[in-house]
Amino acid sequence: MEQGDKAKKEFEQAYNHELIEHACATGIFGGEFNFERMNFIEKLIVKKVSKIKESVSRIDKKVISEFIEIFSSTK
């Protein structure tokens, strides 16, 4: 759910540098908290950890489209 430099840093920490360099396409697509689909415990945890109190979507469709184009062109 992070954005900008923080999301990039998390991405780089989550994956080995060699894996990122070897990948034909990479992307940070955003995220979503959909409280309507969560049970009570999930909502409680998300609210505590993220400090978000209602459903939010930060999915970046433009980045997803760019990823698909790059990925498709490498075949």
N, C-alpha and C. Protein backbone atom coordinates (compact mmCIF):
# COMPACT_ATOMS: atom_id res chain seq x y z
N MET A 1 0.82 -1.20 0.00
CA MET A 1 0.00 0.00 0.00
C MET A 1 0.86 1.26 0.00
N GLU A 2 2.13 1.12 0.18
CA GLU A 2 2.98 2.31 0.17
C GLU A 2 3.11 2.85 -1.24
N GLN A 3 3.54 4.09 -1.32
CA GLN A 3 3.71 4.74 -2.61
C GLN A 3 5.06 5.43 -2.67
N GLY A 4 5.51 5.76 -3.86
CA GLY A 4 6.73 6.54 -4.04
C GLY A 4 7.98 5.82 -3.59
N ASP A 5 8.89 6.59 -2.98
CA ASP A 5 10.19 6.05 -2.57
C ASP A 5 10.07 4.93 -1.56
N LYS A 6 9.08 5.03 -0.68
CA LYS A 6 8.91 3.98 0.34
C LYS A 6 8.50 2.65 -0.32
N ALA A 7 7.64 2.71 -1.32
CA ALA A 7 7.24 1.49 -2.03
C ALA A 7 8.43 0.90 -2.78
N LYS A 8 9.22 1.75 -3.41
CA LYS A 8 10.40 1.28 -4.14
C LYS A 8 11.39 0.60 -3.19
N LYS A 9 11.59 1.21 -2.02
CA LYS A 9 12.51 0.65 -1.03
C LYS A 9 12.00 -0.72 -0.55
N GLU A 10 10.70 -0.83 -0.27
CA GLU A 10 10.13 -2.11 0.15
C GLU A 10 10.29 -3.17 -0.94
N PHE A 11 10.07 -2.78 -2.19
CA PHE A 11 10.22 -3.70 -3.32
C PHE A 11 11.66 -4.23 -3.39
N GLU A 12 12.62 -3.31 -3.27
CA GLU A 12 14.03 -3.70 -3.35
C GLU A 12 14.45 -4.57 -2.18
N GLN A 13 13.84 -4.37 -1.01
CA GLN A 13 14.15 -5.19 0.16
C GLN A 13 13.48 -6.56 0.09
N ALA A 14 12.37 -6.64 -0.62
CA ALA A 14 11.62 -7.89 -0.69
C ALA A 14 12.22 -8.89 -1.67
N TYR A 15 12.93 -8.38 -2.68
CA TYR A 15 13.46 -9.26 -3.72
C TYR A 15 14.97 -9.09 -3.84
N ASN A 16 15.63 -10.19 -4.08
CA ASN A 16 17.06 -10.23 -4.27
C ASN A 16 17.45 -9.36 -5.47
N HIS A 17 18.54 -8.60 -5.35
CA HIS A 17 18.98 -7.69 -6.42
C HIS A 17 19.19 -8.43 -7.74
N GLU A 18 19.78 -9.62 -7.68
CA GLU A 18 20.02 -10.39 -8.90
C GLU A 18 18.71 -10.78 -9.58
N LEU A 19 17.70 -11.10 -8.79
CA LEU A 19 16.39 -11.45 -9.34
C LEU A 19 15.76 -10.25 -10.06
N ILE A 20 15.83 -9.09 -9.44
CA ILE A 20 15.28 -7.88 -10.05
C ILE A 20 16.01 -7.57 -11.35
N GLU A 21 17.34 -7.68 -11.34
CA GLU A 21 18.12 -7.39 -12.55
C GLU A 21 17.83 -8.39 -13.66
N HIS A 22 17.54 -9.62 -13.30
CA HIS A 22 17.29 -10.67 -14.29
C HIS A 22 15.86 -10.63 -14.85
N ALA A 23 14.94 -10.04 -14.12
CA ALA A 23 13.53 -10.01 -14.53
C ALA A 23 13.36 -9.24 -15.84
N CYS A 24 12.49 -9.74 -16.70
CA CYS A 24 12.22 -9.04 -17.96
C CYS A 24 11.29 -7.85 -17.73
N ALA A 25 10.55 -7.83 -16.62
CA ALA A 25 9.67 -6.71 -16.29
C ALA A 25 9.45 -6.70 -14.78
N THR A 26 9.39 -5.52 -14.21
CA THR A 26 9.06 -5.36 -12.80
C THR A 26 8.07 -4.22 -12.67
N GLY A 27 7.36 -4.18 -11.55
CA GLY A 27 6.42 -3.09 -11.35
C GLY A 27 5.92 -3.05 -9.92
N ILE A 28 5.57 -1.86 -9.50
CA ILE A 28 4.94 -1.65 -8.20
C ILE A 28 3.52 -1.21 -8.51
N PHE A 29 2.56 -2.08 -8.26
CA PHE A 29 1.19 -1.90 -8.74
C PHE A 29 0.26 -1.24 -7.74
N GLY A 30 0.71 -0.99 -6.53
CA GLY A 30 -0.16 -0.41 -5.52
C GLY A 30 -0.85 -1.50 -4.72
N GLY A 31 -1.96 -1.15 -4.12
CA GLY A 31 -2.67 -2.12 -3.30
C GLY A 31 -4.05 -1.63 -2.94
N GLU A 32 -4.72 -2.46 -2.16
CA GLU A 32 -6.11 -2.14 -1.82
C GLU A 32 -6.47 -2.76 -0.48
N PHE A 33 -7.21 -2.01 0.33
CA PHE A 33 -7.84 -2.54 1.52
C PHE A 33 -9.34 -2.44 1.28
N ASN A 34 -9.99 -3.58 1.15
CA ASN A 34 -11.43 -3.62 0.90
C ASN A 34 -12.12 -4.17 2.14
N PHE A 35 -12.57 -3.27 3.02
CA PHE A 35 -13.16 -3.67 4.29
C PHE A 35 -14.44 -4.48 4.11
N GLU A 36 -15.14 -4.29 3.00
CA GLU A 36 -16.38 -5.04 2.76
C GLU A 36 -16.12 -6.54 2.61
N ARG A 37 -14.92 -6.90 2.20
CA ARG A 37 -14.59 -8.31 1.99
C ARG A 37 -13.81 -8.92 3.16
N MET A 38 -13.52 -8.13 4.17
CA MET A 38 -12.74 -8.61 5.32
C MET A 38 -13.65 -9.06 6.46
N ASN A 39 -13.16 -10.03 7.22
CA ASN A 39 -13.88 -10.40 8.43
C ASN A 39 -13.45 -9.46 9.57
N PHE A 40 -14.06 -9.62 10.72
CA PHE A 40 -13.83 -8.71 11.84
C PHE A 40 -12.35 -8.65 12.23
N ILE A 41 -11.70 -9.79 12.35
CA ILE A 41 -10.30 -9.85 12.77
C ILE A 41 -9.40 -9.17 11.73
N GLU A 42 -9.64 -9.43 10.45
CA GLU A 42 -8.84 -8.80 9.40
C GLU A 42 -8.97 -7.28 9.45
N LYS A 43 -10.19 -6.81 9.61
CA LYS A 43 -10.41 -5.35 9.70
C LYS A 43 -9.67 -4.77 10.89
N LEU A 44 -9.75 -5.44 12.03
CA LEU A 44 -9.09 -4.98 13.24
C LEU A 44 -7.58 -4.86 13.04
N ILE A 45 -6.99 -5.87 12.44
CA ILE A 45 -5.54 -5.88 12.21
C ILE A 45 -5.15 -4.77 11.24
N VAL A 46 -5.87 -4.66 10.13
CA VAL A 46 -5.54 -3.64 9.12
C VAL A 46 -5.67 -2.24 9.71
N LYS A 47 -6.72 -2.01 10.47
CA LYS A 47 -6.91 -0.69 11.08
C LYS A 47 -5.79 -0.35 12.05
N LYS A 48 -5.36 -1.33 12.84
CA LYS A 48 -4.29 -1.11 13.81
C LYS A 48 -2.95 -0.84 13.12
N VAL A 49 -2.62 -1.68 12.15
CA VAL A 49 -1.30 -1.61 11.51
C VAL A 49 -1.20 -0.44 10.54
N SER A 50 -2.21 -0.24 9.71
CA SER A 50 -2.12 0.76 8.64
C SER A 50 -2.66 2.12 9.02
N LYS A 51 -3.42 2.18 10.09
CA LYS A 51 -4.08 3.43 10.52
C LYS A 51 -5.13 3.90 9.51
N ILE A 52 -5.56 2.99 8.63
CA ILE A 52 -6.61 3.29 7.65
C ILE A 52 -7.92 2.79 8.22
N LYS A 53 -8.96 3.61 8.16
CA LYS A 53 -10.23 3.29 8.81
C LYS A 53 -11.34 2.90 7.84
N GLU A 54 -11.11 3.05 6.53
CA GLU A 54 -12.15 2.70 5.55
C GLU A 54 -11.49 2.13 4.30
N SER A 55 -12.27 1.50 3.46
CA SER A 55 -11.76 0.91 2.23
C SER A 55 -11.02 1.95 1.39
N VAL A 56 -9.92 1.52 0.81
CA VAL A 56 -9.12 2.40 -0.04
C VAL A 56 -8.47 1.56 -1.14
N SER A 57 -8.40 2.11 -2.34
CA SER A 57 -7.76 1.43 -3.46
C SER A 57 -6.70 2.36 -4.04
N ARG A 58 -5.48 1.85 -4.10
CA ARG A 58 -4.38 2.59 -4.70
C ARG A 58 -3.74 1.76 -5.81
N ILE A 59 -4.55 1.02 -6.52
CA ILE A 59 -4.06 0.20 -7.62
C ILE A 59 -3.77 1.11 -8.81
N ASP A 60 -2.55 1.00 -9.34
CA ASP A 60 -2.10 1.87 -10.43
C ASP A 60 -2.26 1.12 -11.76
N LYS A 61 -3.37 1.33 -12.42
CA LYS A 61 -3.68 0.61 -13.66
C LYS A 61 -2.71 0.97 -14.78
N LYS A 62 -2.20 2.19 -14.77
CA LYS A 62 -1.24 2.60 -15.80
C LYS A 62 0.04 1.78 -15.69
N VAL A 63 0.54 1.59 -14.46
CA VAL A 63 1.75 0.80 -14.25
C VAL A 63 1.50 -0.66 -14.63
N ILE A 64 0.33 -1.18 -14.34
CA ILE A 64 -0.01 -2.55 -14.72
C ILE A 64 -0.01 -2.70 -16.24
N SER A 65 -0.60 -1.75 -16.93
CA SER A 65 -0.61 -1.78 -18.41
C SER A 65 0.80 -1.72 -18.99
N GLU A 66 1.64 -0.86 -18.42
CA GLU A 66 3.03 -0.76 -18.87
C GLU A 66 3.78 -2.07 -18.64
N PHE A 67 3.54 -2.70 -17.49
CA PHE A 67 4.16 -3.98 -17.17
C PHE A 67 3.75 -5.03 -18.20
N ILE A 68 2.46 -5.09 -18.50
CA ILE A 68 1.96 -6.07 -19.47
C ILE A 68 2.61 -5.86 -20.83
N GLU A 69 2.73 -4.60 -21.26
CA GLU A 69 3.34 -4.32 -22.55
C GLU A 69 4.79 -4.76 -22.59
N ILE A 70 5.54 -4.43 -21.55
CA ILE A 70 6.96 -4.84 -21.49
C ILE A 70 7.07 -6.35 -21.45
N PHE A 71 6.27 -6.98 -20.61
CA PHE A 71 6.31 -8.44 -20.48
C PHE A 71 5.93 -9.12 -21.79
N SER A 72 4.91 -8.60 -22.45
CA SER A 72 4.45 -9.21 -23.72
C SER A 72 5.47 -9.05 -24.83
N SER A 73 6.21 -7.97 -24.82
CA SER A 73 7.17 -7.73 -25.90
C SER A 73 8.45 -8.54 -25.76
N THR A 74 8.64 -9.19 -24.62
CA THR A 74 9.87 -9.98 -24.41
C THR A 74 9.75 -11.41 -24.86
N LYS A 75 8.58 -11.81 -25.33
CA LYS A 75 8.40 -13.21 -25.75
C LYS A 75 9.04 -13.50 -27.08
